């Protein structure tokens, strides 16, 4: 298995986190997006969108971080990153859609405006109006997570891909100073995620 990733990329971090949690033997291949390596013919043969991450397992090629993690979880069931019942798996998938369709799009303009390390890396200060709008949107979505985490450590009781999906972008928002005071269960959940050895290794590789 080979995972192509870029630095300071939340989507890359999601896939690296899942791969490390799975315990699967793998190779990480750095793609320097600042030099345009993601637009090379060789990389476009793996991911025609030219985005990171991308993944190969022999002749099988895949992109989209949640799809990559789902494949890894399916092929390494011993890691228990997915529930075994149809209901449990559907519930995890629901959280993946919620992350990619709602939470992450709200996080990105926010951390681009508030996270100094992201600004320094990408050479951009972000947009104040976009950040304000994104903060309003995020305040719509975090109560959903807060409610789901009442009385439990993980979104689907056991640690799963559902939790992995949220760690990268919420961590970048938190690093930018976002106030989670109204969402104590979310804050504690994020802290649990960030204390996992697999996340610490991921952060040192991708976000360090």
Protein backbone atom coordinates (compact mmCIF):
# COMPACT_ATOMS: atom_id res chain seq x y z
CA UNK A 1 0.00 0.00 0.00
CA UNK A 2 1.23 3.47 -0.91
CA UNK A 3 -0.33 6.73 0.26
CA UNK A 4 0.53 9.99 -1.46
CA UNK A 5 0.20 12.93 0.91
CA UNK A 6 1.01 16.62 1.21
CA UNK A 7 2.10 18.77 4.12
CA UNK A 8 -0.33 21.00 6.04
CA UNK A 9 -3.19 19.13 4.42
CA UNK A 10 -6.12 18.10 6.61
CA UNK A 11 -7.33 15.62 4.03
CA UNK A 12 -3.89 14.01 3.85
CA UNK A 13 -3.80 13.87 7.65
CA UNK A 14 -7.15 12.06 7.72
CA UNK A 15 -5.86 9.30 5.44
CA UNK A 16 -2.51 9.00 7.21
CA UNK A 17 -4.30 8.81 10.58
CA UNK A 18 -6.55 6.02 9.33
CA UNK A 19 -3.68 4.12 7.79
CA UNK A 20 -1.57 4.26 10.95
CA UNK A 21 -4.54 3.28 13.14
CA UNK A 22 -5.15 0.26 10.91
CA UNK A 23 -1.68 -1.15 11.52
CA UNK A 24 -1.37 -1.98 7.81
CA UNK A 25 2.06 -2.14 6.24
CA UNK A 26 2.39 0.93 4.04
CA UNK A 27 4.63 3.41 2.29
CA UNK A 28 4.10 7.16 2.53
CA UNK A 29 5.05 9.19 -0.52
CA UNK A 30 5.35 12.96 -0.10
CA UNK A 31 3.91 15.12 -2.87
CA UNK A 32 5.19 18.71 -2.78
CA UNK A 33 2.11 20.69 -3.77
CA UNK A 34 3.97 24.00 -3.42
CA UNK A 35 6.23 22.84 -6.26
CA UNK A 36 3.30 21.59 -8.30
CA UNK A 37 4.21 17.92 -8.05
CA UNK A 38 0.50 17.12 -7.76
CA UNK A 39 0.07 18.36 -11.33
CA UNK A 40 2.73 16.09 -12.81
CA UNK A 41 1.67 13.48 -15.36
CA UNK A 42 2.80 10.71 -13.03
CA UNK A 43 0.64 11.92 -10.17
CA UNK A 44 -2.36 12.71 -12.37
CA UNK A 45 -2.27 9.07 -13.44
CA UNK A 46 -3.04 8.19 -9.81
CA UNK A 47 -5.47 11.03 -9.09
CA UNK A 48 -6.77 12.83 -12.18
CA UNK A 49 -8.07 15.64 -9.97
CA UNK A 50 -4.50 16.49 -8.98
CA UNK A 51 -5.43 16.68 -5.32
CA UNK A 52 -4.03 14.99 -2.25
CA UNK A 53 -4.19 12.39 -0.85
CA UNK A 54 -4.21 9.49 -3.28
CA UNK A 55 -3.66 5.79 -2.70
CA UNK A 56 -2.42 2.66 -4.45
CA UNK A 57 -2.72 -0.97 -3.44
CA UNK A 58 -1.09 -2.87 -6.25
CA UNK A 59 -3.00 -1.92 -9.42
CA UNK A 60 -5.91 -0.50 -7.40
CA UNK A 61 -5.96 3.29 -7.21
CA UNK A 62 -8.17 5.46 -5.06
CA UNK A 63 -8.61 9.07 -3.98
CA UNK A 64 -10.81 10.91 -1.47
CA UNK A 65 -9.58 10.47 2.11
CA UNK A 66 -12.74 8.89 3.53
CA UNK A 67 -12.89 6.39 0.66
CA UNK A 68 -9.23 5.52 1.27
CA UNK A 69 -9.90 4.99 4.97
CA UNK A 70 -12.99 2.88 4.23
CA UNK A 71 -10.96 0.60 1.96
CA UNK A 72 -8.22 0.27 4.57
CA UNK A 73 -10.79 -0.53 7.28
CA UNK A 74 -12.48 -3.11 5.05
CA UNK A 75 -9.22 -4.85 4.16
CA UNK A 76 -7.89 -4.73 7.74
CA UNK A 77 -10.94 -5.68 9.76
CA UNK A 78 -8.72 -6.70 12.67
CA UNK A 79 -8.25 -2.99 13.42
CA UNK A 80 -12.00 -2.68 14.20
CA UNK A 81 -12.33 0.72 12.54
CA UNK A 82 -15.82 -0.14 11.29
CA UNK A 83 -18.76 -1.74 13.09
CA UNK A 84 -19.80 -5.19 11.94
CA UNK A 85 -23.53 -4.58 11.56
CA UNK A 86 -25.20 -2.87 8.57
CA UNK A 87 -26.77 -0.36 10.96
CA UNK A 88 -23.44 0.46 12.59
CA UNK A 89 -21.65 0.86 9.27
CA UNK A 90 -24.42 3.08 7.91
CA UNK A 91 -24.18 5.23 11.03
CA UNK A 92 -20.44 5.67 10.54
CA UNK A 93 -20.99 6.56 6.90
CA UNK A 94 -23.53 9.17 7.97
CA UNK A 95 -20.84 10.87 10.09
CA UNK A 96 -18.42 10.81 7.15
CA UNK A 97 -20.94 12.60 4.94
CA UNK A 98 -21.65 15.10 7.72
CA UNK A 99 -17.93 15.81 8.06
CA UNK A 100 -17.19 16.20 4.37
CA UNK A 101 -20.39 18.01 3.46
CA UNK A 102 -20.81 20.35 6.42
CA UNK A 103 -18.16 20.46 9.14
CA UNK A 104 -15.02 20.59 7.02
CA UNK A 105 -16.36 23.25 4.60
CA UNK A 106 -17.09 25.39 7.67
CA UNK A 107 -13.66 24.75 9.20
CA UNK A 108 -11.51 25.59 6.19
CA UNK A 109 -12.20 29.35 5.84
CA UNK A 110 -12.01 29.64 9.61
CA UNK A 111 -8.58 28.12 10.10
CA UNK A 112 -7.25 29.88 7.00
CA UNK A 113 -8.01 33.14 8.77
CA UNK A 114 -7.03 32.18 12.34
CA UNK A 115 -4.27 29.56 12.16
CA UNK A 116 -0.88 31.28 11.93
CA UNK A 117 1.00 28.14 10.87
CA UNK A 118 -1.41 27.50 8.00
CA UNK A 119 -1.09 31.13 6.93
CA UNK A 120 2.69 30.96 7.00
CA UNK A 121 2.82 27.72 5.05
CA UNK A 122 0.40 28.78 2.32
CA UNK A 123 1.38 32.46 2.29
CA UNK A 124 -2.19 33.62 2.74
CA UNK A 125 -4.03 35.50 5.47
CA UNK A 126 -7.48 34.17 4.62
CA UNK A 127 -10.63 36.25 4.38
CA UNK A 128 -12.33 37.85 7.38
CA UNK A 129 -15.83 37.84 5.90
CA UNK A 130 -15.56 34.21 4.83
CA UNK A 131 -14.24 33.26 8.26
CA UNK A 132 -17.14 35.00 9.99
CA UNK A 133 -19.66 33.22 7.78
CA UNK A 134 -17.87 29.90 8.33
CA UNK A 135 -17.96 30.42 12.09
CA UNK A 136 -21.72 30.89 11.92
CA UNK A 137 -22.04 27.68 9.93
CA UNK A 138 -19.79 25.73 12.30
CA UNK A 139 -21.96 26.87 15.21
CA UNK A 140 -24.87 25.12 13.47
CA UNK A 141 -23.01 21.82 13.21
CA UNK A 142 -21.08 21.48 16.46
CA UNK A 143 -24.28 21.10 18.55
CA UNK A 144 -25.04 17.96 16.51
CA UNK A 145 -21.70 16.47 17.52
CA UNK A 146 -22.13 17.71 21.10
CA UNK A 147 -25.46 15.90 21.37
CA UNK A 148 -24.12 12.69 19.85
CA UNK A 149 -21.20 12.61 22.30
CA UNK A 150 -23.30 12.84 25.45
CA UNK A 151 -22.41 9.89 27.69
CA UNK A 152 -19.90 8.38 25.29
CA UNK A 153 -16.27 8.76 24.31
CA UNK A 154 -16.71 8.21 20.55
CA UNK A 155 -19.39 9.05 18.02
CA UNK A 156 -20.47 5.42 17.61
CA UNK A 157 -19.47 4.27 21.11
CA UNK A 158 -16.38 2.44 19.84
CA UNK A 159 -13.55 4.33 18.14
CA UNK A 160 -14.06 4.23 14.39
CA UNK A 161 -13.58 5.99 11.08
CA UNK A 162 -16.34 8.35 12.20
CA UNK A 163 -13.98 9.85 14.79
CA UNK A 164 -10.90 9.79 12.57
CA UNK A 165 -12.69 11.89 9.96
CA UNK A 166 -13.01 14.96 12.19
CA UNK A 167 -9.59 15.13 13.82
CA UNK A 168 -7.59 17.04 11.20
CA UNK A 169 -9.76 20.07 10.50
CA UNK A 170 -11.10 20.46 14.03
CA UNK A 171 -7.53 20.36 15.31
CA UNK A 172 -6.56 23.16 12.93
CA UNK A 173 -9.54 25.24 14.04
CA UNK A 174 -8.65 24.62 17.70
CA UNK A 175 -5.03 25.61 17.05
CA UNK A 176 -6.35 28.85 15.59
CA UNK A 177 -8.01 29.67 18.91
CA UNK A 178 -11.61 28.61 18.34
CA UNK A 179 -13.57 28.70 21.60
CA UNK A 180 -15.16 25.31 22.29
CA UNK A 181 -16.58 26.42 25.66
CA UNK A 182 -20.16 25.86 24.48
CA UNK A 183 -19.24 22.36 23.33
CA UNK A 184 -17.45 20.65 26.23
CA UNK A 185 -18.13 17.12 25.00
CA UNK A 186 -16.70 18.00 21.59
CA UNK A 187 -13.63 19.56 23.20
CA UNK A 188 -12.99 16.46 25.34
CA UNK A 189 -13.54 14.19 22.32
CA UNK A 190 -11.08 16.20 20.26
CA UNK A 191 -8.55 16.03 23.09
CA UNK A 192 -8.94 12.23 23.18
CA UNK A 193 -8.34 12.08 19.44
CA UNK A 194 -5.26 14.26 19.62
CA UNK A 195 -3.77 12.12 22.40
CA UNK A 196 -3.88 8.94 20.32
CA UNK A 197 -0.38 7.79 19.33
CA UNK A 198 -1.47 7.38 15.71
CA UNK A 199 -2.61 11.00 15.60
CA UNK A 200 0.60 12.26 17.20
CA UNK A 201 2.60 10.42 14.54
CA UNK A 202 0.28 11.74 11.83
CA UNK A 203 0.62 15.32 13.05
CA UNK A 204 4.41 15.09 13.08
CA UNK A 205 4.41 13.85 9.47
CA UNK A 206 1.69 16.01 7.90
CA UNK A 207 1.05 19.00 10.14
CA UNK A 208 4.37 19.40 11.90
